[in-house]
Amino acid sequence: MIAGEEVPTSGKIIFEGENVAGLPGHKLFHKGIVRTFQIPHEFKRLTVLENLMVVPPSQPGENILSNFMARLAVGQREREVRERAEDALKFLSLWHVRDEFAGKLSGGQKKLLELGRTMMTDAKLVLLDEPGAGVNPSLMLEVRGMISRLRQERRYTFCIIEHDMDLIAALCDPIIVMAAGSVLTKGTMAEIRANQEVLEAYLGGDDA
C-alpha cells in the first residue's frame, strides 16, 4: 500500500505531512518514494549503464521534437545523467560490468543494480523487498554494506522487508514484527528475540 500497489480501504499514509494513501506508483516516485523488488526487474537487453540512465524522469531526449529543436539541452542533460550513472556504478562496485547486458548479471549484482536505480532518483524513502533473497553469502555482505553506506552517506531512509534476521539485526532500528496482517510489536533486535508473543507467532512457543 505504501508503494501504491494496493489501495487501502481505510486509514492514511502520511509522508512528509501529506496523505499519500491510494496514489499510484508513478506519482509516489515523483514525491520521493521508490522501491526495489524481491525478483529484480532489470531491462535485460540494455547494458548495466543504460539501465541506470533510463531512470531519471523528464529527460528532454524522451521528446522526439526536442532532439531536433533543443539538441544542446538534450546533450547536456544526457551527459549529466551519464555522469550520475557512472558515479553510482563506481559506488556500488559495478563499474567493471557497466557494458554488460543486465540480464547476464548474477542475482547479487542485480540487487546492487536495483540499488543503483534508486540512486538515480531524488529518493527520500526507499522500500526494499527482501534484498537478501537469492544472493550468495559473500555478495550479501556487499549488498548489506551498500545499504548501510547509502543510509549513512546519502541520508536515505530505508524500509526493509526481509526474512534474514542477521540482515535485519545489522541494518534495522526499529524492527517491526507483523503477524496475520497486524503489527505485533516493535523494538530492538534484543527486545524482539525476547518477546514471548513473537516466539509463539513464529516459532510456536518456547518448546518449538
Protein backbone atom coordinates (compact mmCIF):
# COMPACT_ATOMS: atom_id res chain seq x y z
CA MET A 1 0.00 0.00 0.00
CA ILE A 2 2.85 2.41 0.75
CA ALA A 3 4.33 1.64 -2.69
CA GLY A 4 0.99 2.25 -4.39
CA GLU A 5 0.42 -1.35 -5.47
CA GLU A 6 -2.74 -1.71 -3.35
CA VAL A 7 -5.32 0.89 -2.36
CA PRO A 8 -6.10 0.85 1.38
CA THR A 9 -9.76 0.50 2.36
CA SER A 10 -9.29 2.81 5.34
CA GLY A 11 -6.68 4.84 7.18
CA LYS A 12 -3.98 7.22 6.00
CA ILE A 13 -0.35 7.00 4.87
CA ILE A 14 1.32 10.25 5.90
CA PHE A 15 4.55 11.10 4.09
CA GLU A 16 6.14 14.48 4.78
CA GLY A 17 2.85 15.82 6.09
CA GLU A 18 0.78 14.65 3.11
CA ASN A 19 -1.68 11.77 2.91
CA VAL A 20 -0.38 9.65 0.01
CA ALA A 21 -2.73 6.70 0.51
CA GLY A 22 -4.08 5.44 -2.80
CA LEU A 23 -1.64 7.31 -5.02
CA PRO A 24 -0.25 5.21 -7.91
CA GLY A 25 3.40 4.27 -8.02
CA HIS A 26 4.39 6.80 -10.69
CA LYS A 27 3.07 9.69 -8.59
CA LEU A 28 4.79 8.36 -5.47
CA PHE A 29 8.02 8.18 -7.49
CA HIS A 30 7.89 11.93 -8.09
CA LYS A 31 7.32 12.50 -4.37
CA GLY A 32 10.49 10.57 -3.48
CA ILE A 33 9.12 7.11 -2.63
CA VAL A 34 10.79 4.35 -4.64
CA ARG A 35 11.03 0.60 -4.25
CA THR A 36 13.01 -2.45 -5.28
CA PHE A 37 11.64 -5.93 -5.87
CA GLN A 38 12.40 -9.35 -4.41
CA ILE A 39 12.85 -10.54 -8.00
CA PRO A 40 14.82 -7.81 -9.82
CA HIS A 41 13.08 -6.14 -12.77
CA GLU A 42 16.08 -5.11 -14.86
CA PHE A 43 15.93 -4.30 -18.57
CA LYS A 44 17.68 -7.46 -19.66
CA ARG A 45 18.73 -6.29 -23.14
CA LEU A 46 20.07 -2.93 -22.02
CA THR A 47 23.54 -2.60 -20.58
CA VAL A 48 24.05 -2.04 -16.87
CA LEU A 49 24.90 1.61 -17.56
CA GLU A 50 21.81 2.07 -19.75
CA ASN A 51 19.61 0.55 -17.04
CA LEU A 52 20.58 3.43 -14.79
CA MET A 53 20.39 6.13 -17.44
CA VAL A 54 16.72 5.44 -18.24
CA VAL A 55 15.62 6.13 -14.64
CA PRO A 56 15.70 9.93 -14.16
CA PRO A 57 12.34 11.48 -15.11
CA SER A 58 11.61 14.33 -17.52
CA GLN A 59 14.66 13.89 -19.74
CA PRO A 60 14.31 16.20 -22.78
CA GLY A 61 15.66 13.50 -25.08
CA GLU A 62 12.46 11.50 -24.49
CA ASN A 63 10.64 14.02 -26.69
CA ILE A 64 11.25 13.47 -30.40
CA LEU A 65 10.95 17.15 -31.25
CA SER A 66 13.43 18.14 -28.56
CA ASN A 67 16.08 16.03 -30.28
CA PHE A 68 15.83 18.35 -33.28
CA MET A 69 14.89 21.67 -31.69
CA ALA A 70 16.84 21.56 -28.42
CA ARG A 71 19.84 19.41 -29.21
CA LEU A 72 22.16 21.30 -26.86
CA ALA A 73 19.81 20.86 -23.91
CA VAL A 74 19.32 17.19 -24.74
CA GLY A 75 23.06 16.60 -24.95
CA GLN A 76 23.78 18.47 -21.72
CA ARG A 77 21.15 16.52 -19.79
CA GLU A 78 22.35 13.21 -21.18
CA ARG A 79 25.92 13.99 -20.08
CA GLU A 80 24.64 14.82 -16.58
CA VAL A 81 22.64 11.60 -16.38
CA ARG A 82 25.56 9.52 -17.66
CA GLU A 83 27.92 11.05 -15.11
CA ARG A 84 25.47 10.32 -12.30
CA ALA A 85 25.06 6.73 -13.53
CA GLU A 86 28.82 6.23 -13.71
CA ASP A 87 29.22 7.56 -10.16
CA ALA A 88 26.55 5.12 -8.96
CA LEU A 89 28.26 2.17 -10.66
CA LYS A 90 31.60 3.07 -9.08
CA PHE A 91 29.95 3.47 -5.66
CA LEU A 92 28.33 0.03 -6.00
CA SER A 93 31.46 -1.69 -7.36
CA LEU A 94 29.67 -2.46 -10.65
CA TRP A 95 31.91 -0.36 -12.87
CA HIS A 96 33.59 -3.44 -14.36
CA VAL A 97 30.25 -4.73 -15.74
CA ARG A 98 28.92 -1.38 -16.98
CA ASP A 99 28.82 -2.53 -20.63
CA GLU A 100 27.38 -6.00 -19.93
CA PHE A 101 23.74 -6.77 -20.64
CA ALA A 102 21.90 -6.53 -17.32
CA GLY A 103 20.24 -9.90 -17.90
CA LYS A 104 23.65 -11.60 -17.60
CA LEU A 105 24.37 -10.34 -14.08
CA SER A 106 24.34 -12.63 -11.06
CA GLY A 107 21.49 -12.43 -8.57
CA GLY A 108 23.56 -10.36 -6.16
CA GLN A 109 24.72 -7.98 -8.88
CA LYS A 110 21.12 -7.46 -9.96
CA LYS A 111 20.23 -6.49 -6.37
CA LEU A 112 23.07 -3.95 -6.45
CA LEU A 113 21.77 -2.67 -9.79
CA GLU A 114 18.35 -2.19 -8.17
CA LEU A 115 20.03 -0.06 -5.51
CA GLY A 116 21.76 1.86 -8.28
CA ARG A 117 18.44 2.67 -9.88
CA THR A 118 17.23 4.21 -6.62
CA MET A 119 20.40 6.34 -6.63
CA MET A 120 19.35 7.81 -9.99
CA THR A 121 16.32 9.41 -8.34
CA ASP A 122 15.88 12.05 -5.67
CA ALA A 123 14.60 9.35 -3.34
CA LYS A 124 13.66 10.15 0.23
CA LEU A 125 12.17 6.77 1.18
CA VAL A 126 13.40 3.51 -0.37
CA LEU A 127 11.29 0.38 0.12
CA LEU A 128 13.41 -2.78 -0.14
CA ASP A 129 11.59 -6.06 -0.76
CA GLU A 130 13.82 -8.88 0.53
CA PRO A 131 17.18 -7.57 -0.68
CA GLY A 132 18.86 -10.75 0.60
CA ALA A 133 16.71 -13.20 -1.38
CA GLY A 134 18.72 -15.28 -3.86
CA VAL A 135 22.04 -13.62 -3.02
CA ASN A 136 25.07 -15.73 -2.10
CA PRO A 137 26.54 -15.05 1.37
CA SER A 138 29.71 -13.32 0.19
CA LEU A 139 27.88 -10.89 -2.09
CA MET A 140 25.20 -10.42 0.57
CA LEU A 141 27.81 -8.77 2.75
CA GLU A 142 28.46 -6.34 -0.10
CA VAL A 143 24.74 -5.60 -0.56
CA ARG A 144 24.37 -5.04 3.18
CA GLY A 145 27.36 -2.72 3.19
CA MET A 146 25.99 -0.67 0.30
CA ILE A 147 22.62 -0.23 2.01
CA SER A 148 24.40 0.93 5.15
CA ARG A 149 26.59 3.37 3.20
CA LEU A 150 23.61 4.83 1.36
CA ARG A 151 21.88 5.43 4.68
CA GLN A 152 24.92 6.99 6.30
CA GLU A 153 26.41 8.94 3.39
CA ARG A 154 23.34 9.84 1.32
CA ARG A 155 20.82 10.01 4.16
CA TYR A 156 18.31 7.65 2.56
CA THR A 157 15.54 6.28 4.75
CA PHE A 158 15.06 2.55 4.13
CA CYS A 159 12.08 0.38 4.94
CA ILE A 160 13.15 -3.26 4.58
CA ILE A 161 11.03 -6.42 4.44
CA GLU A 162 13.30 -9.41 4.98
CA HIS A 163 13.35 -12.91 6.47
CA ASP A 164 17.12 -12.93 7.09
CA MET A 165 17.28 -11.93 10.75
CA ASP A 166 21.04 -11.33 10.63
CA LEU A 167 20.48 -8.75 7.88
CA ILE A 168 17.66 -7.15 9.85
CA ALA A 169 19.78 -7.05 13.01
CA ALA A 170 22.64 -5.38 11.12
CA LEU A 171 20.56 -2.70 9.40
CA CYS A 172 17.25 -2.02 11.10
CA ASP A 173 16.24 0.08 14.07
CA PRO A 174 13.44 -0.11 14.99
CA ILE A 175 12.28 -3.58 13.95
CA ILE A 176 8.54 -4.04 13.44
CA VAL A 177 7.05 -7.54 13.64
CA MET A 178 3.78 -8.27 11.84
CA ALA A 179 1.54 -11.32 12.16
CA ALA A 180 -1.73 -12.00 10.34
CA GLY A 181 -1.67 -8.54 8.80
CA SER A 182 -1.31 -6.59 12.03
CA VAL A 183 1.60 -5.09 13.95
CA LEU A 184 2.53 -7.45 16.76
CA THR A 185 5.34 -5.45 18.35
CA LYS A 186 8.35 -3.27 17.60
CA GLY A 187 11.70 -2.61 19.25
CA THR A 188 15.37 -3.55 19.12
CA MET A 189 16.53 -6.98 17.97
CA ALA A 190 17.22 -7.99 21.58
CA GLU A 191 13.69 -6.99 22.56
CA ILE A 192 12.17 -8.80 19.59
CA ARG A 193 14.06 -12.03 20.27
CA ALA A 194 12.92 -11.99 23.90
CA ASN A 195 9.28 -11.22 23.11
CA GLN A 196 7.03 -14.15 24.00
CA GLU A 197 4.32 -13.14 21.51
CA VAL A 198 6.85 -13.20 18.68
CA LEU A 199 8.12 -16.62 19.74
CA GLU A 200 4.61 -18.01 19.81
CA ALA A 201 3.61 -16.44 16.48
CA TYR A 202 6.69 -17.56 14.54
CA LEU A 203 8.16 -20.48 16.44
CA GLY A 204 5.16 -21.99 18.14
CA GLY A 205 6.36 -21.11 21.64
CA ASP A 206 9.41 -21.99 23.73
CA ASP A 207 9.14 -25.71 23.03
CA ALA A 208 9.34 -25.36 19.23
